[in-house]
């Protein structure tokens, strides 16, 4: 790997000529973690990459989660003798943005 970089070859060319069975993203990840003997400066494309911003997860108080477990659901269905129900899962992007319907399942207990 390092010989090809020192010769000025592109990463894709190095992977194809040496028949390495790793993806480019794996090589970039190993480069970032310091597993390779070459530095990021020797790869022209790596220098252009910006680190992705991460947001901290939203805080959800424990009091809101009380009574929302699967065991609570099963207890509710037993108490009210419910034999069938419909579940719908959604994925919400940005707040106020589009919502995707992921799954619609009708479950029956026998």
PDB file of N, CA and C in Angstrom:
ATOM      1  N   UNK A   1       0.838  -1.190   0.000  1.00  0.00           N
ATOM      2  CA  UNK A   1       0.000   0.000   0.000  1.00  0.00           C
ATOM      3  C   UNK A   1       0.878   1.248   0.000  1.00  0.00           C
ATOM      4  N   UNK A   2       1.835   1.301   0.909  1.00  0.00           N
ATOM      5  CA  UNK A   2       2.647   2.517   1.036  1.00  0.00           C
ATOM      6  C   UNK A   2       3.537   2.730  -0.179  1.00  0.00           C
ATOM      7  N   UNK A   3       3.991   1.629  -0.837  1.00  0.00           N
ATOM      8  CA  UNK A   3       4.821   1.796  -2.036  1.00  0.00           C
ATOM      9  C   UNK A   3       4.043   2.470  -3.155  1.00  0.00           C
ATOM     10  N   UNK A   4       2.783   2.072  -3.335  1.00  0.00           N
ATOM     11  CA  UNK A   4       1.951   2.678  -4.369  1.00  0.00           C
ATOM     12  C   UNK A   4       1.671   4.141  -4.093  1.00  0.00           C
ATOM     13  N   UNK A   5       1.470   4.477  -2.836  1.00  0.00           N
ATOM     14  CA  UNK A   5       1.209   5.876  -2.475  1.00  0.00           C
ATOM     15  C   UNK A   5       2.453   6.715  -2.727  1.00  0.00           C
ATOM     16  N   UNK A   6       3.598   6.191  -2.389  1.00  0.00           N
ATOM     17  CA  UNK A   6       4.852   6.928  -2.606  1.00  0.00           C
ATOM     18  C   UNK A   6       5.141   7.124  -4.088  1.00  0.00           C
ATOM     19  N   UNK A   7       4.648   6.212  -4.929  1.00  0.00           N
ATOM     20  CA  UNK A   7       4.806   6.360  -6.379  1.00  0.00           C
ATOM     21  C   UNK A   7       3.809   7.350  -6.959  1.00  0.00           C
ATOM     22  N   UNK A   8       2.828   7.786  -6.144  1.00  0.00           N
ATOM     23  CA  UNK A   8       1.829   8.742  -6.611  1.00  0.00           C
ATOM     24  C   UNK A   8       0.606   8.098  -7.229  1.00  0.00           C
ATOM     25  N   UNK A   9       0.407   6.805  -7.017  1.00  0.00           N
ATOM     26  CA  UNK A   9      -0.740   6.112  -7.590  1.00  0.00           C
ATOM     27  C   UNK A   9      -1.996   6.403  -6.759  1.00  0.00           C
ATOM     28  N   UNK A  10      -3.135   6.352  -7.433  1.00  0.00           N
ATOM     29  CA  UNK A  10      -4.401   6.540  -6.750  1.00  0.00           C
ATOM     30  C   UNK A  10      -4.757   5.286  -5.964  1.00  0.00           C
ATOM     31  N   UNK A  11      -5.569   5.463  -4.956  1.00  0.00           N
ATOM     32  CA  UNK A  11      -5.934   4.363  -4.074  1.00  0.00           C
ATOM     33  C   UNK A  11      -6.628   3.240  -4.837  1.00  0.00           C
ATOM     34  N   UNK A  12      -7.550   3.573  -5.711  1.00  0.00           N
ATOM     35  CA  UNK A  12      -8.271   2.555  -6.480  1.00  0.00           C
ATOM     36  C   UNK A  12      -7.296   1.732  -7.319  1.00  0.00           C
ATOM     37  N   UNK A  13      -6.308   2.384  -7.926  1.00  0.00           N
ATOM     38  CA  UNK A  13      -5.308   1.690  -8.741  1.00  0.00           C
ATOM     39  C   UNK A  13      -4.480   0.735  -7.876  1.00  0.00           C
ATOM     40  N   UNK A  14      -4.137   1.164  -6.675  1.00  0.00           N
ATOM     41  CA  UNK A  14      -3.347   0.323  -5.769  1.00  0.00           C
ATOM     42  C   UNK A  14      -4.156  -0.919  -5.378  1.00  0.00           C
ATOM     43  N   UNK A  15      -5.421  -0.730  -5.080  1.00  0.00           N
ATOM     44  CA  UNK A  15      -6.264  -1.859  -4.682  1.00  0.00           C
ATOM     45  C   UNK A  15      -6.448  -2.858  -5.821  1.00  0.00           C
ATOM     46  N   UNK A  16      -6.617  -2.366  -7.049  1.00  0.00           N
ATOM     47  CA  UNK A  16      -6.847  -3.250  -8.186  1.00  0.00           C
ATOM     48  C   UNK A  16      -5.589  -3.993  -8.616  1.00  0.00           C
ATOM     49  N   UNK A  17      -4.452  -3.315  -8.661  1.00  0.00           N
ATOM     50  CA  UNK A  17      -3.227  -3.964  -9.132  1.00  0.00           C
ATOM     51  C   UNK A  17      -2.691  -4.974  -8.125  1.00  0.00           C
ATOM     52  N   UNK A  18      -2.876  -4.738  -6.856  1.00  0.00           N
ATOM     53  CA  UNK A  18      -2.394  -5.679  -5.837  1.00  0.00           C
ATOM     54  C   UNK A  18      -3.456  -6.695  -5.433  1.00  0.00           C
ATOM     55  N   UNK A  19      -4.634  -6.619  -6.050  1.00  0.00           N
ATOM     56  CA  UNK A  19      -5.758  -7.532  -5.791  1.00  0.00           C
ATOM     57  C   UNK A  19      -6.066  -7.624  -4.300  1.00  0.00           C
ATOM     58  N   UNK A  20      -6.181  -6.456  -3.674  1.00  0.00           N
ATOM     59  CA  UNK A  20      -6.533  -6.396  -2.258  1.00  0.00           C
ATOM     60  C   UNK A  20      -8.046  -6.465  -2.130  1.00  0.00           C
ATOM     61  N   UNK A  21      -8.528  -7.265  -1.218  1.00  0.00           N
ATOM     62  CA  UNK A  21      -9.974  -7.463  -1.083  1.00  0.00           C
ATOM     63  C   UNK A  21     -10.550  -6.601   0.040  1.00  0.00           C
ATOM     64  N   UNK A  22     -10.221  -5.319   0.023  1.00  0.00           N
ATOM     65  CA  UNK A  22     -10.795  -4.367   0.972  1.00  0.00           C
ATOM     66  C   UNK A  22     -11.381  -3.208   0.186  1.00  0.00           C
ATOM     67  N   UNK A  23     -12.327  -2.518   0.786  1.00  0.00           N
ATOM     68  CA  UNK A  23     -12.936  -1.383   0.110  1.00  0.00           C
ATOM     69  C   UNK A  23     -12.125  -0.116   0.373  1.00  0.00           C
ATOM     70  N   UNK A  24     -12.407   0.902  -0.424  1.00  0.00           N
ATOM     71  CA  UNK A  24     -11.707   2.170  -0.237  1.00  0.00           C
ATOM     72  C   UNK A  24     -12.029   2.775   1.115  1.00  0.00           C
ATOM     73  N   UNK A  25     -13.284   2.637   1.543  1.00  0.00           N
ATOM     74  CA  UNK A  25     -13.657   3.219   2.829  1.00  0.00           C
ATOM     75  C   UNK A  25     -12.917   2.541   3.985  1.00  0.00           C
ATOM     76  N   UNK A  26     -12.627   1.244   3.848  1.00  0.00           N
ATOM     77  CA  UNK A  26     -11.861   0.547   4.879  1.00  0.00           C
ATOM     78  C   UNK A  26     -10.442   1.078   4.936  1.00  0.00           C
ATOM     79  N   UNK A  27      -9.851   1.324   3.788  1.00  0.00           N
ATOM     80  CA  UNK A  27      -8.494   1.869   3.752  1.00  0.00           C
ATOM     81  C   UNK A  27      -8.470   3.258   4.371  1.00  0.00           C
ATOM     82  N   UNK A  28      -9.453   4.091   4.057  1.00  0.00           N
ATOM     83  CA  UNK A  28      -9.515   5.426   4.641  1.00  0.00           C
ATOM     84  C   UNK A  28      -9.701   5.354   6.160  1.00  0.00           C
ATOM     85  N   UNK A  29     -10.512   4.405   6.616  1.00  0.00           N
ATOM     86  CA  UNK A  29     -10.725   4.239   8.056  1.00  0.00           C
ATOM     87  C   UNK A  29      -9.436   3.793   8.744  1.00  0.00           C
ATOM     88  N   UNK A  30      -8.721   2.835   8.129  1.00  0.00           N
ATOM     89  CA  UNK A  30      -7.447   2.387   8.697  1.00  0.00           C
ATOM     90  C   UNK A  30      -6.407   3.501   8.680  1.00  0.00           C
ATOM     91  N   UNK A  31      -6.450   4.322   7.657  1.00  0.00           N
ATOM     92  CA  UNK A  31      -5.537   5.457   7.579  1.00  0.00           C
ATOM     93  C   UNK A  31      -5.797   6.439   8.715  1.00  0.00           C
ATOM     94  N   UNK A  32      -7.076   6.708   8.979  1.00  0.00           N
ATOM     95  CA  UNK A  32      -7.449   7.634  10.047  1.00  0.00           C
ATOM     96  C   UNK A  32      -7.052   7.091  11.413  1.00  0.00           C
ATOM     97  N   UNK A  33      -7.161   5.765  11.605  1.00  0.00           N
ATOM     98  CA  UNK A  33      -6.841   5.157  12.885  1.00  0.00           C
ATOM     99  C   UNK A  33      -5.350   4.910  13.063  1.00  0.00           C
ATOM    100  N   UNK A  34      -4.550   5.146  12.005  1.00  0.00           N
ATOM    101  CA  UNK A  34      -3.098   5.027  12.118  1.00  0.00           C
ATOM    102  C   UNK A  34      -2.555   3.633  11.898  1.00  0.00           C
ATOM    103  N   UNK A  35      -3.317   2.737  11.266  1.00  0.00           N
ATOM    104  CA  UNK A  35      -2.853   1.381  11.024  1.00  0.00           C
ATOM    105  C   UNK A  35      -1.859   1.297   9.866  1.00  0.00           C
ATOM    106  N   UNK A  36      -1.869   2.274   8.973  1.00  0.00           N
ATOM    107  CA  UNK A  36      -0.996   2.250   7.796  1.00  0.00           C
ATOM    108  C   UNK A  36       0.261   3.078   8.051  1.00  0.00           C
ATOM    109  N   UNK A  37       1.318   2.749   7.295  1.00  0.00           N
ATOM    110  CA  UNK A  37       2.584   3.462   7.486  1.00  0.00           C
ATOM    111  C   UNK A  37       2.619   4.793   6.747  1.00  0.00           C
ATOM    112  N   UNK A  38       1.618   5.075   5.908  1.00  0.00           N
ATOM    113  CA  UNK A  38       1.555   6.358   5.207  1.00  0.00           C
ATOM    114  C   UNK A  38       0.653   7.305   5.988  1.00  0.00           C
ATOM    115  N   UNK A  39       0.840   8.591   5.764  1.00  0.00           N
ATOM    116  CA  UNK A  39       0.021   9.575   6.475  1.00  0.00           C
ATOM    117  C   UNK A  39      -1.095  10.097   5.565  1.00  0.00           C
ATOM    118  N   UNK A  40      -2.036  10.795   6.163  1.00  0.00           N
ATOM    119  CA  UNK A  40      -3.175  11.322   5.406  1.00  0.00           C
ATOM    120  C   UNK A  40      -2.753  12.398   4.421  1.00  0.00           C
ATOM    121  N   UNK A  41      -1.649  13.065   4.678  1.00  0.00           N
ATOM    122  CA  UNK A  41      -1.184  14.132   3.786  1.00  0.00           C
ATOM    123  C   UNK A  41      -0.756  13.570   2.430  1.00  0.00           C
ATOM    124  N   UNK A  42      -0.318  12.332   2.403  1.00  0.00           N
ATOM    125  CA  UNK A  42       0.138  11.722   1.154  1.00  0.00           C
ATOM    126  C   UNK A  42      -1.025  11.308   0.248  1.00  0.00           C
ATOM    127  N   UNK A  43      -2.237  11.272   0.776  1.00  0.00           N
ATOM    128  CA  UNK A  43      -3.426  11.017  -0.036  1.00  0.00           C
ATOM    129  C   UNK A  43      -4.074  12.356  -0.336  1.00  0.00           C
ATOM    130  N   UNK A  44      -4.115  12.781  -1.604  1.00  0.00           N
ATOM    131  CA  UNK A  44      -4.690  14.089  -1.907  1.00  0.00           C
ATOM    132  C   UNK A  44      -6.173  14.193  -1.568  1.00  0.00           C
ATOM    133  N   UNK A  45      -6.911  13.111  -1.681  1.00  0.00           N
ATOM    134  CA  UNK A  45      -8.343  13.170  -1.446  1.00  0.00           C
ATOM    135  C   UNK A  45      -8.675  13.222   0.040  1.00  0.00           C
ATOM    136  N   UNK A  46      -7.866  12.600   0.874  1.00  0.00           N
ATOM    137  CA  UNK A  46      -8.149  12.537   2.306  1.00  0.00           C
ATOM    138  C   UNK A  46      -8.071  13.913   2.944  1.00  0.00           C
ATOM    139  N   UNK A  47      -7.207  14.743   2.446  1.00  0.00           N
ATOM    140  CA  UNK A  47      -7.030  16.077   3.005  1.00  0.00           C
ATOM    141  C   UNK A  47      -8.300  16.908   2.827  1.00  0.00           C
ATOM    142  N   UNK A  48      -9.077  16.617   1.783  1.00  0.00           N
ATOM    143  CA  UNK A  48     -10.306  17.368   1.516  1.00  0.00           C
ATOM    144  C   UNK A  48     -11.458  16.957   2.428  1.00  0.00           C
ATOM    145  N   UNK A  49     -11.400  15.765   3.023  1.00  0.00           N
ATOM    146  CA  UNK A  49     -12.493  15.276   3.858  1.00  0.00           C
ATOM    147  C   UNK A  49     -12.642  16.117   5.108  1.00  0.00           C
ATOM    148  N   UNK A  50     -13.874  16.429   5.459  1.00  0.00           N
ATOM    149  CA  UNK A  50     -14.164  17.101   6.713  1.00  0.00           C
ATOM    150  C   UNK A  50     -14.799  16.094   7.648  1.00  0.00           C
ATOM    151  N   UNK A  51     -14.534  16.225   8.928  1.00  0.00           N
ATOM    152  CA  UNK A  51     -15.156  15.316   9.873  1.00  0.00           C
ATOM    153  C   UNK A  51     -16.643  15.651   9.986  1.00  0.00           C
ATOM    154  N   UNK A  52     -17.457  14.635  10.124  1.00  0.00           N
ATOM    155  CA  UNK A  52     -18.899  14.828  10.209  1.00  0.00           C
ATOM    156  C   UNK A  52     -19.284  15.312  11.590  1.00  0.00           C
ATOM    157  N   UNK A  53     -20.253  16.195  11.611  1.00  0.00           N
ATOM    158  CA  UNK A  53     -20.735  16.714  12.887  1.00  0.00           C
ATOM    159  C   UNK A  53     -21.708  15.707  13.490  1.00  0.00           C
ATOM    160  N   UNK A  54     -21.601  15.498  14.771  1.00  0.00           N
ATOM    161  CA  UNK A  54     -22.534  14.618  15.459  1.00  0.00           C
ATOM    162  C   UNK A  54     -23.303  15.414  16.492  1.00  0.00           C
ATOM    163  N   UNK A  55     -24.571  15.097  16.598  1.00  0.00           N
ATOM    164  CA  UNK A  55     -25.414  15.761  17.580  1.00  0.00           C
ATOM    165  C   UNK A  55     -25.612  14.834  18.770  1.00  0.00           C
ATOM    166  N   UNK A  56     -25.650  15.383  19.946  1.00  0.00           N
ATOM    167  CA  UNK A  56     -25.949  14.520  21.089  1.00  0.00           C
ATOM    168  C   UNK A  56     -27.407  14.067  21.031  1.00  0.00           C
ATOM    169  N   UNK A  57     -27.663  12.862  21.539  1.00  0.00           N
ATOM    170  CA  UNK A  57     -29.021  12.338  21.532  1.00  0.00           C
ATOM    171  C   UNK A  57     -29.911  13.182  22.436  1.00  0.00           C
ATOM    172  N   UNK A  58     -31.173  13.308  22.040  1.00  0.00           N
ATOM    173  CA  UNK A  58     -32.108  14.100  22.834  1.00  0.00           C
ATOM    174  C   UNK A  58     -32.359  13.411  24.172  1.00  0.00           C
ATOM    175  N   UNK A  59     -32.459  14.189  25.208  1.00  0.00           N
ATOM    176  CA  UNK A  59     -32.706  13.670  26.543  1.00  0.00           C
ATOM    177  C   UNK A  59     -34.182  13.349  26.703  1.00  0.00           C
ATOM    178  N   UNK A  60     -34.477  12.134  27.125  1.00  0.00           N
ATOM    179  CA  UNK A  60     -35.854  11.723  27.385  1.00  0.00           C
ATOM    180  C   UNK A  60     -35.930  11.331  28.857  1.00  0.00           C
ATOM    181  N   UNK A  61     -36.709  12.032  29.650  1.00  0.00           N
ATOM    182  CA  UNK A  61     -36.806  11.700  31.070  1.00  0.00           C
ATOM    183  C   UNK A  61     -37.375  10.295  31.282  1.00  0.00           C
ATOM    184  N   UNK A  62     -36.918   9.643  32.337  1.00  0.00           N
ATOM    185  CA  UNK A  62     -37.376   8.282  32.628  1.00  0.00           C
ATOM    186  C   UNK A  62     -38.862   8.232  32.951  1.00  0.00           C
ATOM    187  N   UNK A  63     -39.398   9.308  33.503  1.00  0.00           N
ATOM    188  CA  UNK A  63     -40.815   9.323  33.880  1.00  0.00           C
ATOM    189  C   UNK A  63     -41.717   9.157  32.659  1.00  0.00           C
ATOM    190  N   UNK A  64     -41.284   9.601  31.514  1.00  0.00           N
ATOM    191  CA  UNK A  64     -42.086   9.475  30.293  1.00  0.00           C
ATOM    192  C   UNK A  64     -42.148   8.022  29.826  1.00  0.00           C
ATOM    193  N   UNK A  65     -41.089   7.251  30.095  1.00  0.00           N
ATOM    194  CA  UNK A  65     -41.008   5.875  29.621  1.00  0.00           C
ATOM    195  C   UNK A  65     -41.752   4.875  30.505  1.00  0.00           C
ATOM    196  N   UNK A  66     -42.248   5.294  31.641  1.00  0.00           N
ATOM    197  CA  UNK A  66     -42.934   4.383  32.558  1.00  0.00           C
ATOM    198  C   UNK A  66     -44.235   3.896  31.920  1.00  0.00           C
ATOM    199  N   UNK A  67     -44.443   2.596  31.921  1.00  0.00           N
ATOM    200  CA  UNK A  67     -45.665   2.013  31.366  1.00  0.00           C
ATOM    201  C   UNK A  67     -45.632   1.838  29.867  1.00  0.00           C
ATOM    202  N   UNK A  68     -44.474   1.918  29.244  1.00  0.00           N
ATOM    203  CA  UNK A  68     -44.395   1.804  27.786  1.00  0.00           C
ATOM    204  C   UNK A  68     -43.537   0.632  27.338  1.00  0.00           C
ATOM    205  N   UNK A  69     -43.352  -0.364  28.167  1.00  0.00           N
ATOM    206  CA  UNK A  69     -42.563  -1.526  27.790  1.00  0.00           C
ATOM    207  C   UNK A  69     -43.451  -2.561  27.113  1.00  0.00           C
ATOM    208  N   UNK A  70     -42.824  -3.546  26.517  1.00  0.00           N
ATOM    209  CA  UNK A  70     -43.569  -4.614  25.851  1.00  0.00           C
ATOM    210  C   UNK A  70     -44.349  -5.441  26.862  1.00  0.00           C
ATOM    211  N   UNK A  71     -43.769  -5.624  28.041  1.00  0.00           N
ATOM    212  CA  UNK A  71     -44.463  -6.354  29.094  1.00  0.00           C
ATOM    213  C   UNK A  71     -45.737  -5.617  29.515  1.00  0.00           C
ATOM    214  N   UNK A  72     -45.678  -4.286  29.583  1.00  0.00           N
ATOM    215  CA  UNK A  72     -46.870  -3.489  29.903  1.00  0.00           C
ATOM    216  C   UNK A  72     -47.942  -3.660  28.832  1.00  0.00           C
ATOM    217  N   UNK A  73     -47.522  -3.718  27.575  1.00  0.00           N
ATOM    218  CA  UNK A  73     -48.457  -3.924  26.466  1.00  0.00           C
ATOM    219  C   UNK A  73     -49.134  -5.286  26.568  1.00  0.00           C
ATOM    220  N   UNK A  74     -48.340  -6.326  26.849  1.00  0.00           N
ATOM    221  CA  UNK A  74     -48.918  -7.663  26.984  1.00  0.00           C
ATOM    222  C   UNK A  74     -49.884  -7.730  28.161  1.00  0.00           C
ATOM    223  N   UNK A  75     -49.546  -7.082  29.263  1.00  0.00           N
ATOM    224  CA  UNK A  75     -50.449  -7.057  30.413  1.00  0.00           C
ATOM    225  C   UNK A  75     -51.755  -6.348  30.059  1.00  0.00           C
ATOM    226  N   UNK A  76     -51.670  -5.260  29.287  1.00  0.00           N
ATOM    227  CA  UNK A  76     -52.858  -4.519  28.866  1.00  0.00           C
ATOM    228  C   UNK A  76     -53.758  -5.378  27.976  1.00  0.00           C
ATOM    229  N   UNK A  77     -53.144  -6.115  27.029  1.00  0.00           N
ATOM    230  CA  UNK A  77     -53.948  -6.960  26.141  1.00  0.00           C
ATOM    231  C   UNK A  77     -54.606  -8.097  26.912  1.00  0.00           C
ATOM    232  N   UNK A  78     -53.917  -8.625  27.936  1.00  0.00           N
ATOM    233  CA  UNK A  78     -54.524  -9.686  28.751  1.00  0.00           C
ATOM    234  C   UNK A  78     -55.673  -9.158  29.596  1.00  0.00           C
ATOM    235  N   UNK A  79     -55.488  -7.991  30.189  1.00  0.00           N
ATOM    236  CA  UNK A  79     -56.527  -7.407  31.032  1.00  0.00           C
ATOM    237  C   UNK A  79     -57.789  -7.091  30.247  1.00  0.00           C
ATOM    238  N   UNK A  80     -57.641  -6.567  29.040  1.00  0.00           N
ATOM    239  CA  UNK A  80     -58.777  -6.133  28.227  1.00  0.00           C
ATOM    240  C   UNK A  80     -59.206  -7.169  27.189  1.00  0.00           C
ATOM    241  N   UNK A  81     -58.626  -8.354  27.239  1.00  0.00           N
ATOM    242  CA  UNK A  81     -58.955  -9.458  26.333  1.00  0.00           C
ATOM    243  C   UNK A  81     -58.889  -9.047  24.864  1.00  0.00           C
ATOM    244  N   UNK A  82     -57.830  -8.391  24.500  1.00  0.00           N
ATOM    245  CA  UNK A  82     -57.615  -7.976  23.109  1.00  0.00           C
ATOM    246  C   UNK A  82     -56.897  -9.113  22.392  1.00  0.00           C
ATOM    247  N   UNK A  83     -57.470  -9.579  21.261  1.00  0.00           N
ATOM    248  CA  UNK A  83     -56.878 -10.703  20.535  1.00  0.00           C
ATOM    249  C   UNK A  83     -56.163 -10.281  19.260  1.00  0.00           C
ATOM    250  N   UNK A  84     -56.425  -9.089  18.765  1.00  0.00           N
ATOM    251  CA  UNK A  84     -55.726  -8.624  17.564  1.00  0.00           C
ATOM    252  C   UNK A  84     -55.487  -7.128  17.672  1.00  0.00           C
ATOM    253  N   UNK A  85     -54.459  -6.668  16.997  1.00  0.00           N
ATOM    254  CA  UNK A  85     -54.118  -5.253  17.005  1.00  0.00           C
ATOM    255  C   UNK A  85     -53.319  -4.920  15.759  1.00  0.00           C
ATOM    256  N   UNK A  86     -53.168  -3.656  15.480  1.00  0.00           N
ATOM    257  CA  UNK A  86     -52.425  -3.172  14.319  1.00  0.00           C
ATOM    258  C   UNK A  86     -51.273  -2.332  14.813  1.00  0.00           C
ATOM    259  N   UNK A  87     -50.086  -2.571  14.250  1.00  0.00           N
ATOM    260  CA  UNK A  87     -48.901  -1.809  14.608  1.00  0.00           C
ATOM    261  C   UNK A  87     -48.450  -0.990  13.409  1.00  0.00           C
ATOM    262  N   UNK A  88     -47.980   0.221  13.656  1.00  0.00           N
ATOM    263  CA  UNK A  88     -47.456   1.057  12.594  1.00  0.00           C
ATOM    264  C   UNK A  88     -46.176   1.712  13.083  1.00  0.00           C
ATOM    265  N   UNK A  89     -45.110   1.567  12.312  1.00  0.00           N
ATOM    266  CA  UNK A  89     -43.843   2.194  12.642  1.00  0.00           C
ATOM    267  C   UNK A  89     -43.564   3.307  11.648  1.00  0.00           C
ATOM    268  N   UNK A  90     -43.024   4.404  12.123  1.00  0.00           N
ATOM    269  CA  UNK A  90     -42.679   5.517  11.249  1.00  0.00           C
ATOM    270  C   UNK A  90     -41.260   5.975  11.524  1.00  0.00           C
ATOM    271  N   UNK A  91     -40.653   6.592  10.529  1.00  0.00           N
ATOM    272  CA  UNK A  91     -39.340   7.205  10.670  1.00  0.00           C
ATOM    273  C   UNK A  91     -39.528   8.695  10.475  1.00  0.00           C
ATOM    274  N   UNK A  92     -39.118   9.474  11.447  1.00  0.00           N
ATOM    275  CA  UNK A  92     -39.267  10.922  11.378  1.00  0.00           C
ATOM    276  C   UNK A  92     -37.896  11.519  11.111  1.00  0.00           C
ATOM    277  N   UNK A  93     -37.778  12.313  10.078  1.00  0.00           N
ATOM    278  CA  UNK A  93     -36.527  12.987   9.762  1.00  0.00           C
ATOM    279  C   UNK A  93     -36.380  14.228  10.614  1.00  0.00           C
ATOM    280  N   UNK A  94     -36.265  15.358   9.999  1.00  0.00           N
ATOM    281  CA  UNK A  94     -36.189  16.628  10.729  1.00  0.00           C
ATOM    282  C   UNK A  94     -37.553  16.930  11.339  1.00  0.00           C
ATOM    283  N   UNK A  95     -37.550  17.594  12.474  1.00  0.00           N
ATOM    284  CA  UNK A  95     -38.801  17.958  13.133  1.00  0.00           C
ATOM    285  C   UNK A  95     -39.570  18.910  12.217  1.00  0.00           C
ATOM    286  N   UNK A  96     -40.809  18.573  11.934  1.00  0.00           N
ATOM    287  CA  UNK A  96     -41.617  19.372  11.024  1.00  0.00           C
ATOM    288  C   UNK A  96     -41.421  18.978   9.573  1.00  0.00           C
ATOM    289  N   UNK A  97     -40.579  17.992   9.316  1.00  0.00           N
ATOM    290  CA  UNK A  97     -40.292  17.558   7.950  1.00  0.00           C
ATOM    291  C   UNK A  97     -41.135  16.362   7.549  1.00  0.00           C
ATOM    292  N   UNK A  98     -40.631  15.607   6.596  1.00  0.00           N
ATOM    293  CA  UNK A  98     -41.372  14.467   6.067  1.00  0.00           C
ATOM    294  C   UNK A  98     -41.282  13.281   7.021  1.00  0.00           C
ATOM    295  N   UNK A  99     -42.309  12.422   6.946  1.00  0.00           N
ATOM    296  CA  UNK A  99     -42.379  11.214   7.759  1.00  0.00           C
ATOM    297  C   UNK A  99     -42.582  10.038   6.811  1.00  0.00           C
ATOM    298  N   UNK A 100     -41.863   8.939   7.045  1.00  0.00           N
ATOM    299  CA  UNK A 100     -41.959   7.761   6.187  1.00  0.00           C
ATOM    300  C   UNK A 100     -42.653   6.645   6.950  1.00  0.00           C
ATOM    301  N   UNK A 101     -43.644   6.009   6.316  1.00  0.00           N
ATOM    302  CA  UNK A 101     -44.290   4.853   6.901  1.00  0.00           C
ATOM    303  C   UNK A 101     -43.415   3.634   6.601  1.00  0.00           C
ATOM    304  N   UNK A 102     -42.900   3.012   7.655  1.00  0.00           N
ATOM    305  CA  UNK A 102     -41.956   1.922   7.482  1.00  0.00           C
ATOM    306  C   UNK A 102     -42.645   0.581   7.414  1.00  0.00           C
ATOM    307  N   UNK A 103     -43.597   0.330   8.296  1.00  0.00           N
ATOM    308  CA  UNK A 103     -44.138  -1.012   8.396  1.00  0.00           C
ATOM    309  C   UNK A 103     -45.581  -0.962   8.909  1.00  0.00           C
ATOM    310  N   UNK A 104     -46.421  -1.763   8.337  1.00  0.00           N
ATOM    311  CA  UNK A 104     -47.793  -1.889   8.817  1.00  0.00           C
ATOM    312  C   UNK A 104     -48.050  -3.365   9.014  1.00  0.00           C
ATOM    313  N   UNK A 105     -48.260  -3.776  10.265  1.00  0.00           N
ATOM    314  CA  UNK A 105     -48.383  -5.183  10.582  1.00  0.00           C
ATOM    315  C   UNK A 105     -49.674  -5.431  11.346  1.00  0.00           C
ATOM    316  N   UNK A 106     -50.388  -6.449  10.974  1.00  0.00           N
ATOM    317  CA  UNK A 106     -51.537  -6.875  11.759  1.00  0.00           C
ATOM    318  C   UNK A 106     -51.130  -8.148  12.473  1.00  0.00           C
ATOM    319  N   UNK A 107     -51.145  -8.108  13.792  1.00  0.00           N
ATOM    320  CA  UNK A 107     -50.720  -9.245  14.595  1.00  0.00           C
ATOM    321  C   UNK A 107     -51.925  -9.896  15.229  1.00  0.00           C
ATOM    322  N   UNK A 108     -51.971 -11.203  15.193  1.00  0.00           N
ATOM    323  CA  UNK A 108     -53.053 -11.952  15.827  1.00  0.00           C
ATOM    324  C   UNK A 108     -52.448 -12.921  16.822  1.00  0.00           C
ATOM    325  N   UNK A 109     -53.068 -13.018  17.984  1.00  0.00           N
ATOM    326  CA  UNK A 109     -52.650 -14.019  18.954  1.00  0.00           C
ATOM    327  C   UNK A 109     -53.625 -15.168  18.903  1.00  0.00           C
ATOM    328  N   UNK A 110     -53.107 -16.366  18.987  1.00  0.00           N
ATOM    329  CA  UNK A 110     -53.977 -17.549  18.910  1.00  0.00           C
ATOM    330  C   UNK A 110     -54.212 -18.124  20.273  1.00  0.00           C
TER     331      UNK A 110
END
